N, C-alpha and C. Protein backbone atom coordinates (compact mmCIF):
# COMPACT_ATOMS: atom_id res chain seq x y z
N MET A 1 0.85 -1.18 0.00
CA MET A 1 0.00 0.00 0.00
C MET A 1 0.89 1.23 0.00
N GLN A 2 0.56 2.17 -0.85
CA GLN A 2 1.32 3.41 -0.96
C GLN A 2 0.59 4.50 -0.18
N ARG A 3 1.26 5.12 0.76
CA ARG A 3 0.62 6.12 1.60
C ARG A 3 0.82 7.55 1.10
N VAL A 4 1.87 7.76 0.31
CA VAL A 4 2.21 9.12 -0.13
C VAL A 4 2.54 9.11 -1.62
N GLY A 5 2.01 10.08 -2.34
CA GLY A 5 2.33 10.22 -3.75
C GLY A 5 3.70 10.86 -3.93
N HIS A 6 4.32 10.59 -5.03
CA HIS A 6 5.63 11.14 -5.34
C HIS A 6 5.57 11.85 -6.69
N GLU A 7 6.41 12.81 -6.88
CA GLU A 7 6.48 13.53 -8.16
C GLU A 7 6.74 12.56 -9.31
N ASP A 8 7.54 11.54 -9.05
CA ASP A 8 7.91 10.57 -10.08
C ASP A 8 7.20 9.23 -9.85
N PHE A 9 5.94 9.28 -9.48
CA PHE A 9 5.18 8.08 -9.14
C PHE A 9 5.13 7.07 -10.28
N LEU A 10 4.84 7.51 -11.51
CA LEU A 10 4.77 6.58 -12.63
C LEU A 10 6.13 5.93 -12.92
N ASP A 11 7.21 6.67 -12.74
CA ASP A 11 8.54 6.08 -12.90
C ASP A 11 8.76 4.99 -11.85
N ARG A 12 8.31 5.24 -10.64
CA ARG A 12 8.44 4.26 -9.55
C ARG A 12 7.61 3.02 -9.87
N VAL A 13 6.38 3.21 -10.36
CA VAL A 13 5.53 2.09 -10.74
C VAL A 13 6.24 1.24 -11.79
N GLU A 14 6.79 1.88 -12.81
CA GLU A 14 7.46 1.14 -13.88
C GLU A 14 8.73 0.45 -13.38
N LEU A 15 9.51 1.11 -12.54
CA LEU A 15 10.73 0.51 -12.02
C LEU A 15 10.41 -0.73 -11.20
N TYR A 16 9.46 -0.64 -10.28
CA TYR A 16 9.10 -1.79 -9.45
C TYR A 16 8.51 -2.91 -10.30
N SER A 17 7.71 -2.56 -11.30
CA SER A 17 7.13 -3.57 -12.17
C SER A 17 8.22 -4.25 -12.99
N ALA A 18 9.19 -3.49 -13.45
CA ALA A 18 10.31 -4.07 -14.20
C ALA A 18 11.11 -5.03 -13.31
N MET A 19 11.35 -4.63 -12.07
CA MET A 19 12.07 -5.50 -11.14
C MET A 19 11.27 -6.78 -10.87
N LEU A 20 9.96 -6.64 -10.72
CA LEU A 20 9.10 -7.80 -10.52
C LEU A 20 9.15 -8.72 -11.73
N SER A 21 9.12 -8.14 -12.93
CA SER A 21 9.20 -8.94 -14.16
C SER A 21 10.51 -9.71 -14.24
N ILE A 22 11.61 -9.03 -13.94
CA ILE A 22 12.93 -9.68 -14.01
C ILE A 22 13.04 -10.79 -12.98
N ASN A 23 12.63 -10.51 -11.74
CA ASN A 23 12.69 -11.55 -10.71
C ASN A 23 11.79 -12.73 -11.05
N SER A 24 10.64 -12.46 -11.62
CA SER A 24 9.73 -13.54 -12.02
C SER A 24 10.32 -14.35 -13.16
N LYS A 25 11.01 -13.69 -14.10
CA LYS A 25 11.66 -14.39 -15.20
C LYS A 25 12.78 -15.28 -14.69
N ILE A 26 13.57 -14.79 -13.76
CA ILE A 26 14.65 -15.58 -13.18
C ILE A 26 14.07 -16.82 -12.50
N HIS A 27 13.00 -16.63 -11.73
CA HIS A 27 12.36 -17.76 -11.05
C HIS A 27 11.78 -18.75 -12.06
N MET A 28 11.11 -18.23 -13.09
CA MET A 28 10.53 -19.10 -14.12
C MET A 28 11.62 -19.93 -14.79
N ASN A 29 12.74 -19.28 -15.15
CA ASN A 29 13.84 -19.99 -15.80
C ASN A 29 14.40 -21.09 -14.90
N SER A 30 14.44 -20.83 -13.59
CA SER A 30 14.99 -21.83 -12.66
C SER A 30 14.12 -23.09 -12.60
N GLU A 31 12.87 -22.98 -12.99
CA GLU A 31 11.96 -24.13 -12.95
C GLU A 31 11.77 -24.78 -14.32
N MET A 32 12.40 -24.23 -15.36
CA MET A 32 12.27 -24.78 -16.71
C MET A 32 13.37 -25.80 -16.97
N THR A 33 13.08 -26.75 -17.84
CA THR A 33 14.10 -27.73 -18.24
C THR A 33 15.04 -27.06 -19.25
N THR A 34 16.17 -27.68 -19.48
CA THR A 34 17.13 -27.17 -20.47
C THR A 34 16.48 -27.09 -21.84
N GLU A 35 15.69 -28.10 -22.19
CA GLU A 35 15.01 -28.11 -23.49
C GLU A 35 14.01 -26.95 -23.60
N GLN A 36 13.25 -26.72 -22.53
CA GLN A 36 12.29 -25.61 -22.54
C GLN A 36 13.01 -24.28 -22.71
N LEU A 37 14.12 -24.11 -22.01
CA LEU A 37 14.90 -22.87 -22.12
C LEU A 37 15.48 -22.68 -23.51
N GLU A 38 15.93 -23.76 -24.14
CA GLU A 38 16.47 -23.67 -25.49
C GLU A 38 15.38 -23.33 -26.50
N ASN A 39 14.19 -23.91 -26.33
CA ASN A 39 13.10 -23.68 -27.28
C ASN A 39 12.41 -22.33 -27.08
N HIS A 40 12.37 -21.85 -25.86
CA HIS A 40 11.66 -20.60 -25.54
C HIS A 40 12.47 -19.74 -24.56
N PRO A 41 13.63 -19.25 -25.00
CA PRO A 41 14.48 -18.50 -24.06
C PRO A 41 13.90 -17.15 -23.62
N TYR A 42 12.97 -16.61 -24.38
CA TYR A 42 12.46 -15.27 -24.07
C TYR A 42 11.05 -15.28 -23.49
N ILE A 43 10.46 -16.45 -23.29
CA ILE A 43 9.10 -16.48 -22.77
C ILE A 43 9.08 -15.81 -21.39
N MET A 44 8.07 -14.99 -21.21
CA MET A 44 7.97 -14.21 -19.96
C MET A 44 6.75 -14.66 -19.15
N PRO A 45 6.84 -14.53 -17.83
CA PRO A 45 5.68 -14.82 -16.99
C PRO A 45 4.68 -13.67 -17.04
N THR A 46 3.45 -13.94 -16.68
CA THR A 46 2.46 -12.89 -16.55
C THR A 46 2.69 -12.18 -15.22
N VAL A 47 2.73 -10.85 -15.26
CA VAL A 47 3.02 -10.06 -14.05
C VAL A 47 1.95 -8.99 -13.87
N TYR A 48 1.39 -8.95 -12.68
CA TYR A 48 0.43 -7.90 -12.32
C TYR A 48 1.08 -7.04 -11.26
N SER A 49 1.18 -5.77 -11.53
CA SER A 49 1.73 -4.80 -10.59
C SER A 49 0.54 -4.06 -9.98
N ILE A 50 0.26 -4.31 -8.70
CA ILE A 50 -0.92 -3.75 -8.05
C ILE A 50 -0.49 -2.67 -7.06
N TRP A 51 -1.08 -1.50 -7.22
CA TRP A 51 -0.75 -0.34 -6.39
C TRP A 51 -2.01 0.13 -5.66
N ILE A 52 -2.03 -0.04 -4.37
CA ILE A 52 -3.14 0.45 -3.55
C ILE A 52 -2.67 1.77 -2.96
N CYS A 53 -3.29 2.85 -3.38
CA CYS A 53 -2.80 4.20 -3.06
C CYS A 53 -3.77 4.95 -2.14
N ASN A 54 -3.23 5.48 -1.08
CA ASN A 54 -4.01 6.27 -0.13
C ASN A 54 -3.85 7.76 -0.44
N PHE A 55 -3.80 8.09 -1.72
CA PHE A 55 -3.67 9.46 -2.21
C PHE A 55 -4.27 9.51 -3.61
N LYS A 56 -4.56 10.69 -4.08
CA LYS A 56 -5.17 10.87 -5.40
C LYS A 56 -4.15 10.49 -6.48
N VAL A 57 -4.58 9.59 -7.36
CA VAL A 57 -3.75 9.15 -8.48
C VAL A 57 -4.27 9.85 -9.73
N ASP A 58 -3.45 10.72 -10.30
CA ASP A 58 -3.89 11.58 -11.42
C ASP A 58 -4.42 10.82 -12.62
N PHE A 59 -3.85 9.66 -12.94
CA PHE A 59 -4.28 8.96 -14.15
C PHE A 59 -5.50 8.06 -13.93
N CYS A 60 -6.04 8.03 -12.72
CA CYS A 60 -7.23 7.21 -12.44
C CYS A 60 -8.51 8.02 -12.68
N ASN A 61 -9.43 7.44 -13.44
CA ASN A 61 -10.74 8.04 -13.63
C ASN A 61 -11.74 7.51 -12.62
N SER A 62 -11.45 6.33 -12.06
CA SER A 62 -12.28 5.75 -11.02
C SER A 62 -11.34 5.15 -9.98
N TYR A 63 -11.89 4.51 -8.96
CA TYR A 63 -11.02 3.99 -7.91
C TYR A 63 -10.19 2.80 -8.38
N HIS A 64 -10.64 2.07 -9.41
CA HIS A 64 -9.94 0.89 -9.91
C HIS A 64 -9.59 1.12 -11.38
N GLU A 65 -8.31 1.22 -11.65
CA GLU A 65 -7.86 1.50 -13.02
C GLU A 65 -6.88 0.41 -13.43
N GLU A 66 -7.07 -0.14 -14.62
CA GLU A 66 -6.14 -1.13 -15.16
C GLU A 66 -5.44 -0.53 -16.37
N ILE A 67 -4.14 -0.70 -16.42
CA ILE A 67 -3.33 -0.11 -17.47
C ILE A 67 -2.56 -1.23 -18.15
N ALA A 68 -2.52 -1.19 -19.47
CA ALA A 68 -1.81 -2.20 -20.24
C ALA A 68 -1.15 -1.53 -21.44
N LEU A 69 -0.43 -2.30 -22.22
CA LEU A 69 0.28 -1.81 -23.40
C LEU A 69 -0.61 -1.95 -24.63
N TYR A 70 -0.94 -0.80 -25.26
CA TYR A 70 -1.80 -0.77 -26.44
C TYR A 70 -1.05 -0.13 -27.60
N ARG A 71 -1.50 -0.44 -28.83
CA ARG A 71 -1.00 0.28 -30.01
C ARG A 71 -1.53 1.70 -29.96
N SER A 72 -0.71 2.66 -30.26
CA SER A 72 -1.14 4.06 -30.27
C SER A 72 -2.30 4.27 -31.24
N SER A 73 -2.28 3.58 -32.36
CA SER A 73 -3.34 3.77 -33.36
C SER A 73 -4.69 3.22 -32.89
N ASP A 74 -4.71 2.38 -31.85
CA ASP A 74 -5.96 1.82 -31.33
C ASP A 74 -6.53 2.61 -30.15
N VAL A 75 -5.76 3.51 -29.59
CA VAL A 75 -6.24 4.27 -28.43
C VAL A 75 -7.48 5.07 -28.83
N GLY A 76 -8.52 4.95 -28.03
CA GLY A 76 -9.77 5.64 -28.30
C GLY A 76 -10.78 4.80 -29.05
N LYS A 77 -10.36 3.66 -29.58
CA LYS A 77 -11.28 2.77 -30.28
C LYS A 77 -11.88 1.77 -29.30
N SER A 78 -13.16 1.49 -29.44
CA SER A 78 -13.83 0.59 -28.51
C SER A 78 -13.31 -0.85 -28.60
N GLU A 79 -12.77 -1.23 -29.75
CA GLU A 79 -12.29 -2.61 -29.91
C GLU A 79 -10.80 -2.76 -29.60
N ALA A 80 -10.18 -1.74 -29.04
CA ALA A 80 -8.75 -1.80 -28.72
C ALA A 80 -8.47 -2.92 -27.72
N LEU A 81 -7.45 -3.70 -28.02
CA LEU A 81 -7.03 -4.78 -27.13
C LEU A 81 -5.55 -4.61 -26.82
N PRO A 82 -5.12 -5.03 -25.63
CA PRO A 82 -3.69 -4.93 -25.32
C PRO A 82 -2.86 -5.75 -26.31
N VAL A 83 -1.72 -5.24 -26.70
CA VAL A 83 -0.84 -6.00 -27.59
C VAL A 83 0.07 -6.92 -26.79
N TYR A 84 0.22 -6.65 -25.52
CA TYR A 84 1.04 -7.50 -24.64
C TYR A 84 0.27 -7.70 -23.34
N ALA A 85 -0.39 -8.82 -23.24
CA ALA A 85 -1.28 -9.07 -22.10
C ALA A 85 -0.57 -9.67 -20.89
N LYS A 86 0.73 -9.90 -20.97
CA LYS A 86 1.44 -10.52 -19.85
C LYS A 86 1.89 -9.54 -18.79
N LYS A 87 1.69 -8.26 -19.03
CA LYS A 87 2.09 -7.27 -18.03
C LYS A 87 0.93 -6.29 -17.86
N LYS A 88 0.44 -6.20 -16.65
CA LYS A 88 -0.69 -5.33 -16.38
C LYS A 88 -0.43 -4.57 -15.08
N TYR A 89 -0.84 -3.33 -15.10
CA TYR A 89 -0.74 -2.49 -13.91
C TYR A 89 -2.15 -2.25 -13.39
N ILE A 90 -2.35 -2.40 -12.10
CA ILE A 90 -3.65 -2.13 -11.49
C ILE A 90 -3.42 -1.08 -10.41
N ALA A 91 -4.12 0.03 -10.54
CA ALA A 91 -4.02 1.10 -9.54
C ALA A 91 -5.36 1.20 -8.82
N ILE A 92 -5.31 1.20 -7.51
CA ILE A 92 -6.49 1.40 -6.68
C ILE A 92 -6.31 2.75 -5.99
N ASP A 93 -7.17 3.70 -6.32
CA ASP A 93 -7.13 5.04 -5.73
C ASP A 93 -8.18 5.07 -4.61
N LEU A 94 -7.73 4.91 -3.38
CA LEU A 94 -8.65 4.85 -2.24
C LEU A 94 -9.40 6.16 -2.02
N THR A 95 -8.85 7.28 -2.51
CA THR A 95 -9.56 8.55 -2.34
C THR A 95 -10.83 8.59 -3.20
N ARG A 96 -10.91 7.73 -4.23
CA ARG A 96 -12.08 7.69 -5.11
C ARG A 96 -13.03 6.54 -4.76
N PHE A 97 -12.63 5.68 -3.83
CA PHE A 97 -13.44 4.52 -3.48
C PHE A 97 -14.61 4.93 -2.59
N VAL A 98 -15.82 4.57 -3.02
CA VAL A 98 -17.03 4.80 -2.23
C VAL A 98 -17.65 3.43 -1.97
N PRO A 99 -17.71 3.01 -0.71
CA PRO A 99 -18.27 1.68 -0.43
C PRO A 99 -19.70 1.55 -0.95
N GLN A 100 -19.98 0.37 -1.51
CA GLN A 100 -21.31 0.06 -2.02
C GLN A 100 -22.07 -0.72 -0.95
N LYS A 101 -23.34 -0.92 -1.19
CA LYS A 101 -24.17 -1.65 -0.23
C LYS A 101 -23.75 -3.11 -0.13
N GLU A 102 -23.33 -3.71 -1.27
CA GLU A 102 -22.93 -5.12 -1.23
C GLU A 102 -21.61 -5.26 -0.48
N ASN A 103 -21.41 -6.38 0.13
CA ASN A 103 -20.19 -6.62 0.90
C ASN A 103 -19.34 -7.67 0.20
N SER A 104 -18.86 -7.36 -1.00
CA SER A 104 -17.98 -8.28 -1.72
C SER A 104 -16.63 -8.31 -0.99
N PRO A 105 -15.85 -9.37 -1.20
CA PRO A 105 -14.51 -9.41 -0.58
C PRO A 105 -13.67 -8.18 -0.95
N GLU A 106 -13.73 -7.75 -2.24
CA GLU A 106 -12.97 -6.58 -2.66
C GLU A 106 -13.42 -5.34 -1.88
N SER A 107 -14.72 -5.15 -1.77
CA SER A 107 -15.25 -3.99 -1.06
C SER A 107 -14.84 -4.01 0.41
N GLU A 108 -14.90 -5.18 1.03
CA GLU A 108 -14.50 -5.30 2.43
C GLU A 108 -13.03 -4.92 2.63
N TRP A 109 -12.16 -5.43 1.74
CA TRP A 109 -10.73 -5.12 1.86
C TRP A 109 -10.46 -3.64 1.62
N LEU A 110 -11.10 -3.07 0.59
CA LEU A 110 -10.86 -1.66 0.29
C LEU A 110 -11.36 -0.77 1.42
N LYS A 111 -12.48 -1.13 2.04
CA LYS A 111 -12.95 -0.37 3.20
C LYS A 111 -11.91 -0.43 4.31
N LEU A 112 -11.33 -1.62 4.52
CA LEU A 112 -10.29 -1.75 5.55
C LEU A 112 -9.09 -0.88 5.22
N PHE A 113 -8.58 -0.94 3.98
CA PHE A 113 -7.42 -0.15 3.60
C PHE A 113 -7.70 1.35 3.73
N LYS A 114 -8.89 1.76 3.30
CA LYS A 114 -9.22 3.18 3.31
C LYS A 114 -9.33 3.71 4.74
N THR A 115 -9.82 2.89 5.65
CA THR A 115 -10.05 3.34 7.02
C THR A 115 -9.06 2.73 8.01
N MET A 116 -7.96 2.21 7.51
CA MET A 116 -7.03 1.47 8.37
C MET A 116 -6.64 2.22 9.66
N PRO A 117 -6.33 3.49 9.60
CA PRO A 117 -5.96 4.15 10.87
C PRO A 117 -7.08 4.12 11.91
N GLN A 118 -8.34 4.10 11.47
CA GLN A 118 -9.47 4.09 12.40
C GLN A 118 -10.20 2.75 12.42
N ALA A 119 -9.72 1.73 11.68
CA ALA A 119 -10.46 0.47 11.55
C ALA A 119 -10.66 -0.21 12.89
N LYS A 120 -11.85 -0.74 13.08
CA LYS A 120 -12.19 -1.45 14.31
C LYS A 120 -12.25 -2.96 14.09
N ARG A 121 -12.31 -3.40 12.82
CA ARG A 121 -12.38 -4.82 12.53
C ARG A 121 -11.74 -5.11 11.18
N THR A 122 -11.46 -6.38 10.94
CA THR A 122 -10.93 -6.82 9.66
C THR A 122 -12.07 -7.39 8.83
N PRO A 123 -11.86 -7.58 7.53
CA PRO A 123 -12.94 -8.12 6.69
C PRO A 123 -13.44 -9.47 7.19
N LYS A 124 -14.70 -9.75 6.93
CA LYS A 124 -15.32 -11.01 7.34
C LYS A 124 -14.65 -12.19 6.65
N GLY A 125 -14.55 -13.31 7.36
CA GLY A 125 -14.07 -14.54 6.76
C GLY A 125 -12.56 -14.67 6.68
N LEU A 126 -11.81 -13.83 7.36
CA LEU A 126 -10.35 -13.95 7.31
C LEU A 126 -9.88 -15.11 8.18
N ASP A 127 -8.92 -15.87 7.67
CA ASP A 127 -8.35 -16.90 8.53
C ASP A 127 -7.40 -16.23 9.52
N SER A 128 -6.92 -16.97 10.49
CA SER A 128 -6.14 -16.38 11.58
C SER A 128 -4.83 -15.73 11.10
N LYS A 129 -4.15 -16.30 10.08
CA LYS A 129 -2.90 -15.72 9.60
C LYS A 129 -3.15 -14.35 8.95
N LEU A 130 -4.19 -14.27 8.12
CA LEU A 130 -4.50 -12.99 7.50
C LEU A 130 -4.99 -11.99 8.54
N LEU A 131 -5.75 -12.46 9.51
CA LEU A 131 -6.24 -11.59 10.56
C LEU A 131 -5.05 -10.99 11.33
N ASN A 132 -4.08 -11.83 11.69
CA ASN A 132 -2.89 -11.34 12.41
C ASN A 132 -2.08 -10.37 11.58
N ALA A 133 -1.97 -10.64 10.25
CA ALA A 133 -1.24 -9.74 9.36
C ALA A 133 -1.94 -8.40 9.27
N ALA A 134 -3.27 -8.42 9.12
CA ALA A 134 -4.03 -7.17 9.03
C ALA A 134 -3.91 -6.37 10.32
N LEU A 135 -3.93 -7.04 11.45
CA LEU A 135 -3.80 -6.33 12.73
C LEU A 135 -2.39 -5.78 12.91
N ALA A 136 -1.38 -6.49 12.39
CA ALA A 136 0.01 -6.01 12.50
C ALA A 136 0.23 -4.76 11.67
N ILE A 137 -0.46 -4.65 10.53
CA ILE A 137 -0.33 -3.46 9.67
C ILE A 137 -0.88 -2.25 10.38
N LYS A 138 -1.93 -2.45 11.11
CA LYS A 138 -2.61 -1.36 11.81
C LYS A 138 -1.67 -0.76 12.81
């Protein structure tokens, strides 16, 4: 969870995502056979970079924004699809999150993150390890 915005926030997002991609590639390679590595030396793992932000994120139009790599010529077209689906950025802007009446797991967690300094309980259905982790963050 990110508590403070930075002037170079998007650079930070990309740097951390790049490091995650590289570390994931190293791990993937360590589990591949020699034959798999020879046949597909550049295959990459799917990586999701998730940013839960407790500050206004300028590029978010809603509380949940997904960003991917698109062709410039497709931007603005309704049928635009990502050209590289193995890397996705997800930004959660807690300043834009408004709890809904339904109590989905996502809604419960986002309410907890948004109100963490004042939270009185953790989301329903947490096992003891997650409950202890959530209480330790507080």
